[in-house]
């Protein structure tokens, strides 16, 4: 009986620790999901088999907020293509503006009403 109680306590402790780690900016940035709250978008997201990076957001880590957060964009050429999931919150819509040949120029993620955060392609072709 004591063995089962100890095992249950250990399992519960692991679940609580994993839940706490999931709210760390490092974890959100590494796995590409957003944290709830302002400036919760990660610095790297994954879309269509490619990684994209933003220089203005880092899931609240504090090392990237020296630049303006929202990008001014003309909304005519934006196409919703994906979503960035949020840990215990609403997802953020991902938009792309495509070149005439169909390749994306970059991605924009909706951070809030009227606020889009720009992401650029990481790596080469």
PDB file of N, CA and C in Angstrom:
ATOM      1  N   UNK A   1       0.822  -1.195   0.000  1.00  0.00           N
ATOM      2  CA  UNK A   1       0.000   0.000   0.000  1.00  0.00           C
ATOM      3  C   UNK A   1       0.866   1.260   0.000  1.00  0.00           C
ATOM      4  N   UNK A   2       1.903   1.282   0.808  1.00  0.00           N
ATOM      5  CA  UNK A   2       2.789   2.440   0.861  1.00  0.00           C
ATOM      6  C   UNK A   2       3.505   2.631  -0.470  1.00  0.00           C
ATOM      7  N   UNK A   3       3.824   1.509  -1.150  1.00  0.00           N
ATOM      8  CA  UNK A   3       4.486   1.580  -2.456  1.00  0.00           C
ATOM      9  C   UNK A   3       3.580   2.268  -3.477  1.00  0.00           C
ATOM     10  N   UNK A   4       2.311   1.925  -3.478  1.00  0.00           N
ATOM     11  CA  UNK A   4       1.357   2.537  -4.411  1.00  0.00           C
ATOM     12  C   UNK A   4       1.179   4.025  -4.130  1.00  0.00           C
ATOM     13  N   UNK A   5       1.130   4.382  -2.871  1.00  0.00           N
ATOM     14  CA  UNK A   5       0.989   5.788  -2.502  1.00  0.00           C
ATOM     15  C   UNK A   5       2.225   6.586  -2.934  1.00  0.00           C
ATOM     16  N   UNK A   6       3.402   6.007  -2.728  1.00  0.00           N
ATOM     17  CA  UNK A   6       4.640   6.675  -3.139  1.00  0.00           C
ATOM     18  C   UNK A   6       4.702   6.805  -4.661  1.00  0.00           C
ATOM     19  N   UNK A   7       4.292   5.767  -5.381  1.00  0.00           N
ATOM     20  CA  UNK A   7       4.286   5.807  -6.845  1.00  0.00           C
ATOM     21  C   UNK A   7       3.299   6.850  -7.357  1.00  0.00           C
ATOM     22  N   UNK A   8       2.133   6.927  -6.739  1.00  0.00           N
ATOM     23  CA  UNK A   8       1.136   7.917  -7.149  1.00  0.00           C
ATOM     24  C   UNK A   8       1.638   9.338  -6.863  1.00  0.00           C
ATOM     25  N   UNK A   9       2.297   9.536  -5.740  1.00  0.00           N
ATOM     26  CA  UNK A   9       2.843  10.853  -5.413  1.00  0.00           C
ATOM     27  C   UNK A   9       3.946  11.242  -6.390  1.00  0.00           C
ATOM     28  N   UNK A  10       4.797  10.286  -6.739  1.00  0.00           N
ATOM     29  CA  UNK A  10       5.869  10.558  -7.707  1.00  0.00           C
ATOM     30  C   UNK A  10       5.289  10.889  -9.073  1.00  0.00           C
ATOM     31  N   UNK A  11       4.287  10.140  -9.506  1.00  0.00           N
ATOM     32  CA  UNK A  11       3.655  10.398 -10.804  1.00  0.00           C
ATOM     33  C   UNK A  11       2.986  11.776 -10.806  1.00  0.00           C
ATOM     34  N   UNK A  12       2.323  12.107  -9.712  1.00  0.00           N
ATOM     35  CA  UNK A  12       1.698  13.424  -9.612  1.00  0.00           C
ATOM     36  C   UNK A  12       2.720  14.544  -9.643  1.00  0.00           C
ATOM     37  N   UNK A  13       3.841  14.342  -8.982  1.00  0.00           N
ATOM     38  CA  UNK A  13       4.912  15.328  -9.004  1.00  0.00           C
ATOM     39  C   UNK A  13       5.475  15.525 -10.397  1.00  0.00           C
ATOM     40  N   UNK A  14       5.631  14.439 -11.141  1.00  0.00           N
ATOM     41  CA  UNK A  14       6.123  14.534 -12.519  1.00  0.00           C
ATOM     42  C   UNK A  14       5.148  15.281 -13.417  1.00  0.00           C
ATOM     43  N   UNK A  15       3.872  15.036 -13.250  1.00  0.00           N
ATOM     44  CA  UNK A  15       2.859  15.730 -14.043  1.00  0.00           C
ATOM     45  C   UNK A  15       2.875  17.231 -13.736  1.00  0.00           C
ATOM     46  N   UNK A  16       2.980  17.584 -12.470  1.00  0.00           N
ATOM     47  CA  UNK A  16       3.039  18.999 -12.095  1.00  0.00           C
ATOM     48  C   UNK A  16       4.311  19.657 -12.624  1.00  0.00           C
ATOM     49  N   UNK A  17       5.422  18.968 -12.553  1.00  0.00           N
ATOM     50  CA  UNK A  17       6.678  19.528 -13.072  1.00  0.00           C
ATOM     51  C   UNK A  17       6.601  19.718 -14.580  1.00  0.00           C
ATOM     52  N   UNK A  18       6.053  18.731 -15.289  1.00  0.00           N
ATOM     53  CA  UNK A  18       5.924  18.850 -16.747  1.00  0.00           C
ATOM     54  C   UNK A  18       4.990  20.003 -17.107  1.00  0.00           C
ATOM     55  N   UNK A  19       3.920  20.169 -16.355  1.00  0.00           N
ATOM     56  CA  UNK A  19       3.007  21.286 -16.601  1.00  0.00           C
ATOM     57  C   UNK A  19       3.683  22.628 -16.371  1.00  0.00           C
ATOM     58  N   UNK A  20       4.521  22.708 -15.350  1.00  0.00           N
ATOM     59  CA  UNK A  20       5.251  23.948 -15.091  1.00  0.00           C
ATOM     60  C   UNK A  20       6.266  24.247 -16.170  1.00  0.00           C
ATOM     61  N   UNK A  21       6.961  23.224 -16.653  1.00  0.00           N
ATOM     62  CA  UNK A  21       7.950  23.397 -17.717  1.00  0.00           C
ATOM     63  C   UNK A  21       7.273  23.860 -18.999  1.00  0.00           C
ATOM     64  N   UNK A  22       6.045  23.426 -19.244  1.00  0.00           N
ATOM     65  CA  UNK A  22       5.328  23.802 -20.462  1.00  0.00           C
ATOM     66  C   UNK A  22       5.058  25.304 -20.520  1.00  0.00           C
ATOM     67  N   UNK A  23       5.051  25.986 -19.385  1.00  0.00           N
ATOM     68  CA  UNK A  23       4.801  27.424 -19.367  1.00  0.00           C
ATOM     69  C   UNK A  23       6.077  28.256 -19.407  1.00  0.00           C
ATOM     70  N   UNK A  24       7.238  27.632 -19.533  1.00  0.00           N
ATOM     71  CA  UNK A  24       8.496  28.366 -19.625  1.00  0.00           C
ATOM     72  C   UNK A  24       8.702  28.882 -21.044  1.00  0.00           C
ATOM     73  N   UNK A  25       9.202  30.115 -21.196  1.00  0.00           N
ATOM     74  CA  UNK A  25       9.455  30.649 -22.538  1.00  0.00           C
ATOM     75  C   UNK A  25      10.385  29.768 -23.363  1.00  0.00           C
ATOM     76  N   UNK A  26      11.398  29.162 -22.745  1.00  0.00           N
ATOM     77  CA  UNK A  26      12.321  28.305 -23.500  1.00  0.00           C
ATOM     78  C   UNK A  26      11.568  27.167 -24.175  1.00  0.00           C
ATOM     79  N   UNK A  27      10.663  26.525 -23.454  1.00  0.00           N
ATOM     80  CA  UNK A  27       9.915  25.398 -23.992  1.00  0.00           C
ATOM     81  C   UNK A  27       9.005  25.847 -25.134  1.00  0.00           C
ATOM     82  N   UNK A  28       8.304  26.961 -24.945  1.00  0.00           N
ATOM     83  CA  UNK A  28       7.414  27.473 -25.993  1.00  0.00           C
ATOM     84  C   UNK A  28       8.209  27.855 -27.237  1.00  0.00           C
ATOM     85  N   UNK A  29       9.356  28.517 -27.060  1.00  0.00           N
ATOM     86  CA  UNK A  29      10.187  28.894 -28.202  1.00  0.00           C
ATOM     87  C   UNK A  29      10.733  27.663 -28.920  1.00  0.00           C
ATOM     88  N   UNK A  30      11.157  26.670 -28.181  1.00  0.00           N
ATOM     89  CA  UNK A  30      11.733  25.466 -28.780  1.00  0.00           C
ATOM     90  C   UNK A  30      10.699  24.670 -29.584  1.00  0.00           C
ATOM     91  N   UNK A  31       9.506  24.497 -29.033  1.00  0.00           N
ATOM     92  CA  UNK A  31       8.490  23.684 -29.684  1.00  0.00           C
ATOM     93  C   UNK A  31       7.536  24.485 -30.562  1.00  0.00           C
ATOM     94  N   UNK A  32       7.621  25.826 -30.558  1.00  0.00           N
ATOM     95  CA  UNK A  32       6.856  26.651 -31.481  1.00  0.00           C
ATOM     96  C   UNK A  32       5.399  26.849 -31.138  1.00  0.00           C
ATOM     97  N   UNK A  33       5.057  26.890 -29.861  1.00  0.00           N
ATOM     98  CA  UNK A  33       3.679  27.221 -29.489  1.00  0.00           C
ATOM     99  C   UNK A  33       3.692  28.510 -28.676  1.00  0.00           C
ATOM    100  N   UNK A  34       2.551  29.157 -28.598  1.00  0.00           N
ATOM    101  CA  UNK A  34       2.449  30.435 -27.894  1.00  0.00           C
ATOM    102  C   UNK A  34       2.056  30.219 -26.438  1.00  0.00           C
ATOM    103  N   UNK A  35       2.469  31.140 -25.608  1.00  0.00           N
ATOM    104  CA  UNK A  35       2.039  31.168 -24.217  1.00  0.00           C
ATOM    105  C   UNK A  35       0.916  32.195 -24.082  1.00  0.00           C
ATOM    106  N   UNK A  36       0.031  32.016 -23.121  1.00  0.00           N
ATOM    107  CA  UNK A  36      -1.051  32.996 -22.963  1.00  0.00           C
ATOM    108  C   UNK A  36      -0.495  34.344 -22.522  1.00  0.00           C
ATOM    109  N   UNK A  37      -1.209  35.383 -22.854  1.00  0.00           N
ATOM    110  CA  UNK A  37      -0.825  36.728 -22.440  1.00  0.00           C
ATOM    111  C   UNK A  37      -0.143  37.508 -23.546  1.00  0.00           C
ATOM    112  N   UNK A  38       0.151  38.763 -23.228  1.00  0.00           N
ATOM    113  CA  UNK A  38       0.768  39.662 -24.186  1.00  0.00           C
ATOM    114  C   UNK A  38       2.196  39.217 -24.501  1.00  0.00           C
ATOM    115  N   UNK A  39       2.595  39.336 -25.757  1.00  0.00           N
ATOM    116  CA  UNK A  39       3.927  38.948 -26.238  1.00  0.00           C
ATOM    117  C   UNK A  39       4.204  37.461 -25.995  1.00  0.00           C
ATOM    118  N   UNK A  40       3.188  36.627 -26.123  1.00  0.00           N
ATOM    119  CA  UNK A  40       3.350  35.198 -25.884  1.00  0.00           C
ATOM    120  C   UNK A  40       3.748  34.385 -27.105  1.00  0.00           C
ATOM    121  N   UNK A  41       3.827  35.013 -28.286  1.00  0.00           N
ATOM    122  CA  UNK A  41       4.207  34.264 -29.484  1.00  0.00           C
ATOM    123  C   UNK A  41       5.664  33.826 -29.400  1.00  0.00           C
ATOM    124  N   UNK A  42       5.981  32.616 -29.901  1.00  0.00           N
ATOM    125  CA  UNK A  42       7.361  32.136 -29.866  1.00  0.00           C
ATOM    126  C   UNK A  42       8.204  32.791 -30.949  1.00  0.00           C
ATOM    127  N   UNK A  43       9.523  32.712 -30.820  1.00  0.00           N
ATOM    128  CA  UNK A  43      10.381  33.311 -31.840  1.00  0.00           C
ATOM    129  C   UNK A  43      10.467  32.437 -33.079  1.00  0.00           C
ATOM    130  N   UNK A  44      10.125  31.141 -32.969  1.00  0.00           N
ATOM    131  CA  UNK A  44      10.195  30.247 -34.115  1.00  0.00           C
ATOM    132  C   UNK A  44       8.890  29.473 -34.234  1.00  0.00           C
ATOM    133  N   UNK A  45       8.360  29.410 -35.466  1.00  0.00           N
ATOM    134  CA  UNK A  45       7.170  28.598 -35.732  1.00  0.00           C
ATOM    135  C   UNK A  45       7.467  27.686 -36.912  1.00  0.00           C
ATOM    136  N   UNK A  46       6.656  26.666 -37.057  1.00  0.00           N
ATOM    137  CA  UNK A  46       6.823  25.698 -38.133  1.00  0.00           C
ATOM    138  C   UNK A  46       5.571  25.749 -39.015  1.00  0.00           C
ATOM    139  N   UNK A  47       5.781  25.853 -40.315  1.00  0.00           N
ATOM    140  CA  UNK A  47       4.656  25.876 -41.257  1.00  0.00           C
ATOM    141  C   UNK A  47       5.086  25.218 -42.563  1.00  0.00           C
ATOM    142  N   UNK A  48       4.302  24.303 -43.054  1.00  0.00           N
ATOM    143  CA  UNK A  48       4.500  23.644 -44.352  1.00  0.00           C
ATOM    144  C   UNK A  48       5.911  23.053 -44.490  1.00  0.00           C
ATOM    145  N   UNK A  49       6.378  22.423 -43.424  1.00  0.00           N
ATOM    146  CA  UNK A  49       7.675  21.766 -43.482  1.00  0.00           C
ATOM    147  C   UNK A  49       8.871  22.688 -43.340  1.00  0.00           C
ATOM    148  N   UNK A  50       8.660  23.950 -43.056  1.00  0.00           N
ATOM    149  CA  UNK A  50       9.751  24.925 -42.927  1.00  0.00           C
ATOM    150  C   UNK A  50       9.645  25.637 -41.582  1.00  0.00           C
ATOM    151  N   UNK A  51      10.772  26.163 -41.119  1.00  0.00           N
ATOM    152  CA  UNK A  51      10.803  26.953 -39.896  1.00  0.00           C
ATOM    153  C   UNK A  51      10.896  28.434 -40.248  1.00  0.00           C
ATOM    154  N   UNK A  52      10.182  29.249 -39.495  1.00  0.00           N
ATOM    155  CA  UNK A  52      10.166  30.699 -39.668  1.00  0.00           C
ATOM    156  C   UNK A  52      10.521  31.347 -38.343  1.00  0.00           C
ATOM    157  N   UNK A  53      11.226  32.484 -38.406  1.00  0.00           N
ATOM    158  CA  UNK A  53      11.714  33.155 -37.208  1.00  0.00           C
ATOM    159  C   UNK A  53      11.271  34.610 -37.177  1.00  0.00           C
ATOM    160  N   UNK A  54      10.984  35.081 -35.958  1.00  0.00           N
ATOM    161  CA  UNK A  54      10.676  36.483 -35.734  1.00  0.00           C
ATOM    162  C   UNK A  54      11.726  37.074 -34.809  1.00  0.00           C
ATOM    163  N   UNK A  55      12.116  38.307 -35.089  1.00  0.00           N
ATOM    164  CA  UNK A  55      13.102  38.971 -34.247  1.00  0.00           C
ATOM    165  C   UNK A  55      12.458  39.856 -33.191  1.00  0.00           C
ATOM    166  N   UNK A  56      11.134  39.908 -33.125  1.00  0.00           N
ATOM    167  CA  UNK A  56      10.467  40.802 -32.182  1.00  0.00           C
ATOM    168  C   UNK A  56       9.695  40.082 -31.089  1.00  0.00           C
ATOM    169  N   UNK A  57       9.668  38.773 -31.111  1.00  0.00           N
ATOM    170  CA  UNK A  57       8.916  38.052 -30.096  1.00  0.00           C
ATOM    171  C   UNK A  57       9.675  36.800 -29.675  1.00  0.00           C
ATOM    172  N   UNK A  58       9.486  36.407 -28.424  1.00  0.00           N
ATOM    173  CA  UNK A  58      10.187  35.230 -27.895  1.00  0.00           C
ATOM    174  C   UNK A  58       9.416  34.616 -26.733  1.00  0.00           C
ATOM    175  N   UNK A  59       8.106  34.557 -26.834  1.00  0.00           N
ATOM    176  CA  UNK A  59       7.236  33.943 -25.816  1.00  0.00           C
ATOM    177  C   UNK A  59       7.446  34.542 -24.431  1.00  0.00           C
ATOM    178  N   UNK A  60       7.684  35.826 -24.377  1.00  0.00           N
ATOM    179  CA  UNK A  60       7.811  36.500 -23.094  1.00  0.00           C
ATOM    180  C   UNK A  60       9.148  36.317 -22.402  1.00  0.00           C
ATOM    181  N   UNK A  61      10.183  35.842 -23.105  1.00  0.00           N
ATOM    182  CA  UNK A  61      11.478  35.607 -22.471  1.00  0.00           C
ATOM    183  C   UNK A  61      12.174  36.893 -22.076  1.00  0.00           C
ATOM    184  N   UNK A  62      11.878  38.008 -22.724  1.00  0.00           N
ATOM    185  CA  UNK A  62      12.440  39.286 -22.330  1.00  0.00           C
ATOM    186  C   UNK A  62      13.667  39.722 -23.108  1.00  0.00           C
ATOM    187  N   UNK A  63      14.234  38.894 -23.955  1.00  0.00           N
ATOM    188  CA  UNK A  63      15.440  39.268 -24.691  1.00  0.00           C
ATOM    189  C   UNK A  63      15.153  39.779 -26.087  1.00  0.00           C
ATOM    190  N   UNK A  64      13.892  40.050 -26.427  1.00  0.00           N
ATOM    191  CA  UNK A  64      13.585  40.418 -27.809  1.00  0.00           C
ATOM    192  C   UNK A  64      12.603  41.572 -27.952  1.00  0.00           C
ATOM    193  N   UNK A  65      12.310  42.320 -26.919  1.00  0.00           N
ATOM    194  CA  UNK A  65      11.252  43.325 -26.992  1.00  0.00           C
ATOM    195  C   UNK A  65      11.752  44.752 -27.183  1.00  0.00           C
ATOM    196  N   UNK A  66      12.869  44.925 -27.874  1.00  0.00           N
ATOM    197  CA  UNK A  66      13.403  46.264 -28.108  1.00  0.00           C
ATOM    198  C   UNK A  66      12.823  46.909 -29.357  1.00  0.00           C
ATOM    199  N   UNK A  67      12.207  46.125 -30.225  1.00  0.00           N
ATOM    200  CA  UNK A  67      11.682  46.619 -31.491  1.00  0.00           C
ATOM    201  C   UNK A  67      10.161  46.715 -31.425  1.00  0.00           C
ATOM    202  N   UNK A  68       9.538  47.441 -32.358  1.00  0.00           N
ATOM    203  CA  UNK A  68       8.069  47.459 -32.413  1.00  0.00           C
ATOM    204  C   UNK A  68       7.526  46.047 -32.618  1.00  0.00           C
ATOM    205  N   UNK A  69       6.462  45.736 -31.935  1.00  0.00           N
ATOM    206  CA  UNK A  69       5.920  44.379 -31.948  1.00  0.00           C
ATOM    207  C   UNK A  69       5.001  44.127 -33.144  1.00  0.00           C
ATOM    208  N   UNK A  70       4.092  45.045 -33.430  1.00  0.00           N
ATOM    209  CA  UNK A  70       3.113  44.847 -34.499  1.00  0.00           C
ATOM    210  C   UNK A  70       3.634  45.392 -35.825  1.00  0.00           C
ATOM    211  N   UNK A  71       3.398  44.640 -36.885  1.00  0.00           N
ATOM    212  CA  UNK A  71       3.834  45.041 -38.224  1.00  0.00           C
ATOM    213  C   UNK A  71       2.681  45.717 -38.949  1.00  0.00           C
ATOM    214  N   UNK A  72       2.929  46.887 -39.562  1.00  0.00           N
ATOM    215  CA  UNK A  72       1.884  47.508 -40.389  1.00  0.00           C
ATOM    216  C   UNK A  72       1.779  46.745 -41.702  1.00  0.00           C
ATOM    217  N   UNK A  73       0.572  46.315 -42.051  1.00  0.00           N
ATOM    218  CA  UNK A  73       0.375  45.487 -43.242  1.00  0.00           C
ATOM    219  C   UNK A  73      -0.918  45.875 -43.939  1.00  0.00           C
ATOM    220  N   UNK A  74      -0.857  45.875 -45.258  1.00  0.00           N
ATOM    221  CA  UNK A  74      -2.081  46.035 -46.044  1.00  0.00           C
ATOM    222  C   UNK A  74      -2.750  44.674 -46.109  1.00  0.00           C
ATOM    223  N   UNK A  75      -3.978  44.583 -45.639  1.00  0.00           N
ATOM    224  CA  UNK A  75      -4.648  43.296 -45.504  1.00  0.00           C
ATOM    225  C   UNK A  75      -5.176  42.673 -46.777  1.00  0.00           C
ATOM    226  N   UNK A  76      -5.008  43.319 -47.945  1.00  0.00           N
ATOM    227  CA  UNK A  76      -5.587  42.801 -49.184  1.00  0.00           C
ATOM    228  C   UNK A  76      -4.964  41.478 -49.618  1.00  0.00           C
ATOM    229  N   UNK A  77      -3.650  41.344 -49.454  1.00  0.00           N
ATOM    230  CA  UNK A  77      -2.958  40.193 -50.020  1.00  0.00           C
ATOM    231  C   UNK A  77      -2.702  39.087 -49.005  1.00  0.00           C
ATOM    232  N   UNK A  78      -3.357  39.112 -47.866  1.00  0.00           N
ATOM    233  CA  UNK A  78      -3.112  38.109 -46.838  1.00  0.00           C
ATOM    234  C   UNK A  78      -4.060  36.931 -46.974  1.00  0.00           C
ATOM    235  N   UNK A  79      -3.496  35.748 -46.857  1.00  0.00           N
ATOM    236  CA  UNK A  79      -4.267  34.517 -46.941  1.00  0.00           C
ATOM    237  C   UNK A  79      -4.030  33.705 -45.674  1.00  0.00           C
ATOM    238  N   UNK A  80      -5.086  33.338 -44.929  1.00  0.00           N
ATOM    239  CA  UNK A  80      -4.869  32.491 -43.748  1.00  0.00           C
ATOM    240  C   UNK A  80      -4.438  31.093 -44.183  1.00  0.00           C
ATOM    241  N   UNK A  81      -3.349  30.582 -43.568  1.00  0.00           N
ATOM    242  CA  UNK A  81      -2.811  29.292 -43.991  1.00  0.00           C
ATOM    243  C   UNK A  81      -2.614  28.309 -42.846  1.00  0.00           C
ATOM    244  N   UNK A  82      -2.605  28.770 -41.615  1.00  0.00           N
ATOM    245  CA  UNK A  82      -2.284  27.876 -40.507  1.00  0.00           C
ATOM    246  C   UNK A  82      -2.654  28.555 -39.197  1.00  0.00           C
ATOM    247  N   UNK A  83      -2.317  27.917 -38.088  1.00  0.00           N
ATOM    248  CA  UNK A  83      -2.517  28.495 -36.764  1.00  0.00           C
ATOM    249  C   UNK A  83      -1.331  28.129 -35.882  1.00  0.00           C
ATOM    250  N   UNK A  84      -1.015  29.017 -34.955  1.00  0.00           N
ATOM    251  CA  UNK A  84      -0.038  28.730 -33.911  1.00  0.00           C
ATOM    252  C   UNK A  84      -0.846  28.454 -32.657  1.00  0.00           C
ATOM    253  N   UNK A  85      -0.716  27.261 -32.127  1.00  0.00           N
ATOM    254  CA  UNK A  85      -1.452  26.900 -30.930  1.00  0.00           C
ATOM    255  C   UNK A  85      -0.951  27.650 -29.712  1.00  0.00           C
ATOM    256  N   UNK A  86      -1.837  27.850 -28.754  1.00  0.00           N
ATOM    257  CA  UNK A  86      -1.492  28.522 -27.506  1.00  0.00           C
ATOM    258  C   UNK A  86      -1.779  27.581 -26.355  1.00  0.00           C
ATOM    259  N   UNK A  87      -0.847  27.526 -25.419  1.00  0.00           N
ATOM    260  CA  UNK A  87      -1.019  26.698 -24.231  1.00  0.00           C
ATOM    261  C   UNK A  87      -2.104  27.329 -23.374  1.00  0.00           C
ATOM    262  N   UNK A  88      -3.255  26.705 -23.262  1.00  0.00           N
ATOM    263  CA  UNK A  88      -4.415  27.188 -22.526  1.00  0.00           C
ATOM    264  C   UNK A  88      -4.882  28.555 -23.008  1.00  0.00           C
ATOM    265  N   UNK A  89      -5.092  28.680 -24.308  1.00  0.00           N
ATOM    266  CA  UNK A  89      -5.599  29.924 -24.869  1.00  0.00           C
ATOM    267  C   UNK A  89      -6.013  29.722 -26.316  1.00  0.00           C
ATOM    268  N   UNK A  90      -6.521  30.776 -26.916  1.00  0.00           N
ATOM    269  CA  UNK A  90      -6.955  30.721 -28.309  1.00  0.00           C
ATOM    270  C   UNK A  90      -5.750  30.682 -29.245  1.00  0.00           C
ATOM    271  N   UNK A  91      -5.890  29.978 -30.353  1.00  0.00           N
ATOM    272  CA  UNK A  91      -4.825  29.908 -31.353  1.00  0.00           C
ATOM    273  C   UNK A  91      -4.673  31.244 -32.067  1.00  0.00           C
ATOM    274  N   UNK A  92      -3.506  31.431 -32.681  1.00  0.00           N
ATOM    275  CA  UNK A  92      -3.212  32.641 -33.447  1.00  0.00           C
ATOM    276  C   UNK A  92      -3.184  32.282 -34.933  1.00  0.00           C
ATOM    277  N   UNK A  93      -3.912  33.027 -35.737  1.00  0.00           N
ATOM    278  CA  UNK A  93      -3.992  32.754 -37.172  1.00  0.00           C
ATOM    279  C   UNK A  93      -2.674  33.140 -37.845  1.00  0.00           C
ATOM    280  N   UNK A  94      -2.211  32.276 -38.746  1.00  0.00           N
ATOM    281  CA  UNK A  94      -1.003  32.533 -39.535  1.00  0.00           C
ATOM    282  C   UNK A  94      -1.439  32.908 -40.940  1.00  0.00           C
ATOM    283  N   UNK A  95      -0.911  34.031 -41.438  1.00  0.00           N
ATOM    284  CA  UNK A  95      -1.215  34.505 -42.786  1.00  0.00           C
ATOM    285  C   UNK A  95       0.056  34.473 -43.623  1.00  0.00           C
ATOM    286  N   UNK A  96      -0.129  34.384 -44.931  1.00  0.00           N
ATOM    287  CA  UNK A  96       1.003  34.496 -45.836  1.00  0.00           C
ATOM    288  C   UNK A  96       0.650  35.448 -46.962  1.00  0.00           C
ATOM    289  N   UNK A  97       1.661  36.125 -47.433  1.00  0.00           N
ATOM    290  CA  UNK A  97       1.549  36.927 -48.651  1.00  0.00           C
ATOM    291  C   UNK A  97       2.444  36.217 -49.660  1.00  0.00           C
ATOM    292  N   UNK A  98       1.856  35.717 -50.738  1.00  0.00           N
ATOM    293  CA  UNK A  98       2.611  34.898 -51.690  1.00  0.00           C
ATOM    294  C   UNK A  98       3.133  35.711 -52.858  1.00  0.00           C
ATOM    295  N   UNK A  99       4.257  35.248 -53.381  1.00  0.00           N
ATOM    296  CA  UNK A  99       4.799  35.785 -54.624  1.00  0.00           C
ATOM    297  C   UNK A  99       3.962  35.235 -55.778  1.00  0.00           C
ATOM    298  N   UNK A 100       4.105  35.792 -56.969  1.00  0.00           N
ATOM    299  CA  UNK A 100       3.338  35.287 -58.114  1.00  0.00           C
ATOM    300  C   UNK A 100       3.581  33.799 -58.404  1.00  0.00           C
ATOM    301  N   UNK A 101       4.778  33.277 -58.059  1.00  0.00           N
ATOM    302  CA  UNK A 101       5.042  31.854 -58.308  1.00  0.00           C
ATOM    303  C   UNK A 101       4.490  30.950 -57.208  1.00  0.00           C
ATOM    304  N   UNK A 102       3.841  31.528 -56.192  1.00  0.00           N
ATOM    305  CA  UNK A 102       3.210  30.741 -55.144  1.00  0.00           C
ATOM    306  C   UNK A 102       4.060  30.528 -53.906  1.00  0.00           C
ATOM    307  N   UNK A 103       5.312  30.949 -53.900  1.00  0.00           N
ATOM    308  CA  UNK A 103       6.149  30.782 -52.714  1.00  0.00           C
ATOM    309  C   UNK A 103       5.890  31.924 -51.737  1.00  0.00           C
ATOM    310  N   UNK A 104       5.883  31.621 -50.430  1.00  0.00           N
ATOM    311  CA  UNK A 104       5.589  32.676 -49.463  1.00  0.00           C
ATOM    312  C   UNK A 104       6.748  33.652 -49.301  1.00  0.00           C
ATOM    313  N   UNK A 105       6.415  34.940 -49.176  1.00  0.00           N
ATOM    314  CA  UNK A 105       7.423  35.959 -48.899  1.00  0.00           C
ATOM    315  C   UNK A 105       7.780  35.946 -47.420  1.00  0.00           C
ATOM    316  N   UNK A 106       6.878  35.491 -46.629  1.00  0.00           N
ATOM    317  CA  UNK A 106       7.044  35.436 -45.182  1.00  0.00           C
ATOM    318  C   UNK A 106       5.694  35.140 -44.571  1.00  0.00           C
ATOM    319  N   UNK A 107       5.671  35.034 -43.268  1.00  0.00           N
ATOM    320  CA  UNK A 107       4.428  34.767 -42.568  1.00  0.00           C
ATOM    321  C   UNK A 107       4.130  35.901 -41.610  1.00  0.00           C
ATOM    322  N   UNK A 108       2.863  36.114 -41.377  1.00  0.00           N
ATOM    323  CA  UNK A 108       2.404  37.071 -40.380  1.00  0.00           C
ATOM    324  C   UNK A 108       1.474  36.320 -39.444  1.00  0.00           C
ATOM    325  N   UNK A 109       1.676  36.495 -38.157  1.00  0.00           N
ATOM    326  CA  UNK A 109       0.849  35.825 -37.160  1.00  0.00           C
ATOM    327  C   UNK A 109       0.065  36.883 -36.409  1.00  0.00           C
ATOM    328  N   UNK A 110      -1.229  36.641 -36.291  1.00  0.00           N
ATOM    329  CA  UNK A 110      -2.111  37.588 -35.610  1.00  0.00           C
ATOM    330  C   UNK A 110      -1.889  37.489 -34.104  1.00  0.00           C
ATOM    331  N   UNK A 111      -1.328  38.544 -33.533  1.00  0.00           N
ATOM    332  CA  UNK A 111      -1.061  38.571 -32.093  1.00  0.00           C
ATOM    333  C   UNK A 111      -2.245  39.117 -31.312  1.00  0.00           C
ATOM    334  N   UNK A 112      -3.108  39.834 -31.977  1.00  0.00           N
ATOM    335  CA  UNK A 112      -4.279  40.437 -31.354  1.00  0.00           C
ATOM    336  C   UNK A 112      -5.015  41.235 -32.411  1.00  0.00           C
ATOM    337  N   UNK A 113      -6.092  41.902 -32.048  1.00  0.00           N
ATOM    338  CA  UNK A 113      -6.837  42.694 -33.019  1.00  0.00           C
ATOM    339  C   UNK A 113      -5.958  43.787 -33.636  1.00  0.00           C
ATOM    340  N   UNK A 114      -5.807  43.745 -34.950  1.00  0.00           N
ATOM    341  CA  UNK A 114      -5.022  44.739 -35.664  1.00  0.00           C
ATOM    342  C   UNK A 114      -3.520  44.632 -35.443  1.00  0.00           C
ATOM    343  N   UNK A 115      -3.041  43.548 -34.892  1.00  0.00           N
ATOM    344  CA  UNK A 115      -1.621  43.379 -34.595  1.00  0.00           C
ATOM    345  C   UNK A 115      -1.104  42.103 -35.252  1.00  0.00           C
ATOM    346  N   UNK A 116      -0.217  42.268 -36.222  1.00  0.00           N
ATOM    347  CA  UNK A 116       0.406  41.124 -36.903  1.00  0.00           C
ATOM    348  C   UNK A 116       1.905  41.142 -36.627  1.00  0.00           C
ATOM    349  N   UNK A 117       2.474  39.982 -36.325  1.00  0.00           N
ATOM    350  CA  UNK A 117       3.902  39.843 -36.065  1.00  0.00           C
ATOM    351  C   UNK A 117       4.518  39.111 -37.250  1.00  0.00           C
ATOM    352  N   UNK A 118       5.587  39.678 -37.807  1.00  0.00           N
ATOM    353  CA  UNK A 118       6.228  39.115 -38.981  1.00  0.00           C
ATOM    354  C   UNK A 118       7.217  38.017 -38.654  1.00  0.00           C
ATOM    355  N   UNK A 119       7.236  36.980 -39.508  1.00  0.00           N
ATOM    356  CA  UNK A 119       8.179  35.860 -39.406  1.00  0.00           C
ATOM    357  C   UNK A 119       8.838  35.677 -40.773  1.00  0.00           C
ATOM    358  N   UNK A 120      10.130  35.406 -40.784  1.00  0.00           N
ATOM    359  CA  UNK A 120      10.860  35.158 -42.032  1.00  0.00           C
ATOM    360  C   UNK A 120      11.379  33.735 -42.047  1.00  0.00           C
ATOM    361  N   UNK A 121      11.593  33.234 -43.256  1.00  0.00           N
ATOM    362  CA  UNK A 121      12.053  31.871 -43.465  1.00  0.00           C
ATOM    363  C   UNK A 121      13.438  31.674 -42.878  1.00  0.00           C
ATOM    364  N   UNK A 122      13.629  30.562 -42.170  1.00  0.00           N
ATOM    365  CA  UNK A 122      14.936  30.205 -41.637  1.00  0.00           C
ATOM    366  C   UNK A 122      15.587  29.211 -42.591  1.00  0.00           C
ATOM    367  N   UNK A 123      16.890  29.282 -42.735  1.00  0.00           N
ATOM    368  CA  UNK A 123      17.597  28.325 -43.573  1.00  0.00           C
ATOM    369  C   UNK A 123      17.493  28.652 -45.036  1.00  0.00           C
ATOM    370  N   UNK A 124      18.036  27.775 -45.841  1.00  0.00           N
ATOM    371  CA  UNK A 124      18.029  27.977 -47.288  1.00  0.00           C
ATOM    372  C   UNK A 124      16.904  27.241 -47.967  1.00  0.00           C
ATOM    373  N   UNK A 125      16.931  27.231 -49.292  1.00  0.00           N
ATOM    374  CA  UNK A 125      15.854  26.598 -50.045  1.00  0.00           C
ATOM    375  C   UNK A 125      15.768  25.152 -49.876  1.00  0.00           C
TER     376      UNK A 125
END
